[in-house]
Amino acid sequence: MLLVIKTRKSLFSKLKKIVERLHPYQVVEIIALPLVDVDRKYRDWLRKETS
């Protein structure tokens, strides 16, 4: 199963700790992907939703 969570870089550490605590696996795959190019409307939406 794959879970995709969208967040800001500044919130990643907090999110990572929550996922590690709640996930049943001993080793959890948690990765962050850089945004190379983002549509302005999407970027604005993401900033608003993660405020």
Protein backbone atom coordinates (compact mmCIF):
# COMPACT_ATOMS: atom_id res chain seq x y z
CA MET A 1 0.00 0.00 0.00
CA LEU A 2 1.21 3.49 -0.80
CA LEU A 3 0.23 6.58 1.13
CA VAL A 4 1.04 9.98 -0.34
CA ILE A 5 0.98 12.95 2.01
CA LYS A 6 1.55 16.48 0.79
CA THR A 7 3.18 18.88 3.21
CA ARG A 8 5.77 21.61 3.52
CA LYS A 9 9.45 20.96 4.10
CA SER A 10 9.16 22.77 7.44
CA LEU A 11 6.49 20.27 8.59
CA PHE A 12 8.18 17.11 7.33
CA SER A 13 10.01 16.23 10.55
CA LYS A 14 6.81 16.44 12.62
CA LEU A 15 4.89 14.39 10.05
CA LYS A 16 7.66 11.78 9.93
CA LYS A 17 7.53 11.27 13.70
CA ILE A 18 3.76 10.78 13.60
CA VAL A 19 3.94 8.24 10.77
CA GLU A 20 6.74 6.31 12.51
CA ARG A 21 4.73 6.17 15.72
CA LEU A 22 1.51 4.99 14.06
CA HIS A 23 2.90 2.62 11.41
CA PRO A 24 3.03 -1.08 12.33
CA TYR A 25 6.25 -1.83 10.41
CA GLN A 26 9.59 -1.88 12.18
CA VAL A 27 11.22 -0.10 9.24
CA VAL A 28 8.97 2.47 7.58
CA GLU A 29 9.69 3.85 4.11
CA ILE A 30 9.29 7.60 4.45
CA ILE A 31 10.70 9.67 1.62
CA ALA A 32 10.55 13.32 0.60
CA LEU A 33 10.63 14.38 -3.02
CA PRO A 34 11.71 17.86 -4.07
CA LEU A 35 9.37 19.92 -6.16
CA VAL A 36 11.34 20.94 -9.21
CA ASP A 37 8.61 22.88 -10.96
CA VAL A 38 5.16 23.59 -9.55
CA ASP A 39 2.11 25.23 -11.04
CA ARG A 40 1.46 28.53 -9.25
CA LYS A 41 -2.18 27.68 -8.45
CA TYR A 42 -1.20 24.33 -6.99
CA ARG A 43 1.63 25.89 -4.97
CA ASP A 44 -0.74 28.49 -3.55
CA TRP A 45 -3.29 25.81 -2.68
CA LEU A 46 -0.66 23.68 -0.96
CA ARG A 47 0.59 26.62 1.10
CA LYS A 48 -2.96 27.46 2.16
CA GLU A 49 -3.83 23.87 3.07
CA THR A 50 -0.68 23.34 5.15
CA SER A 51 -0.85 26.61 7.07
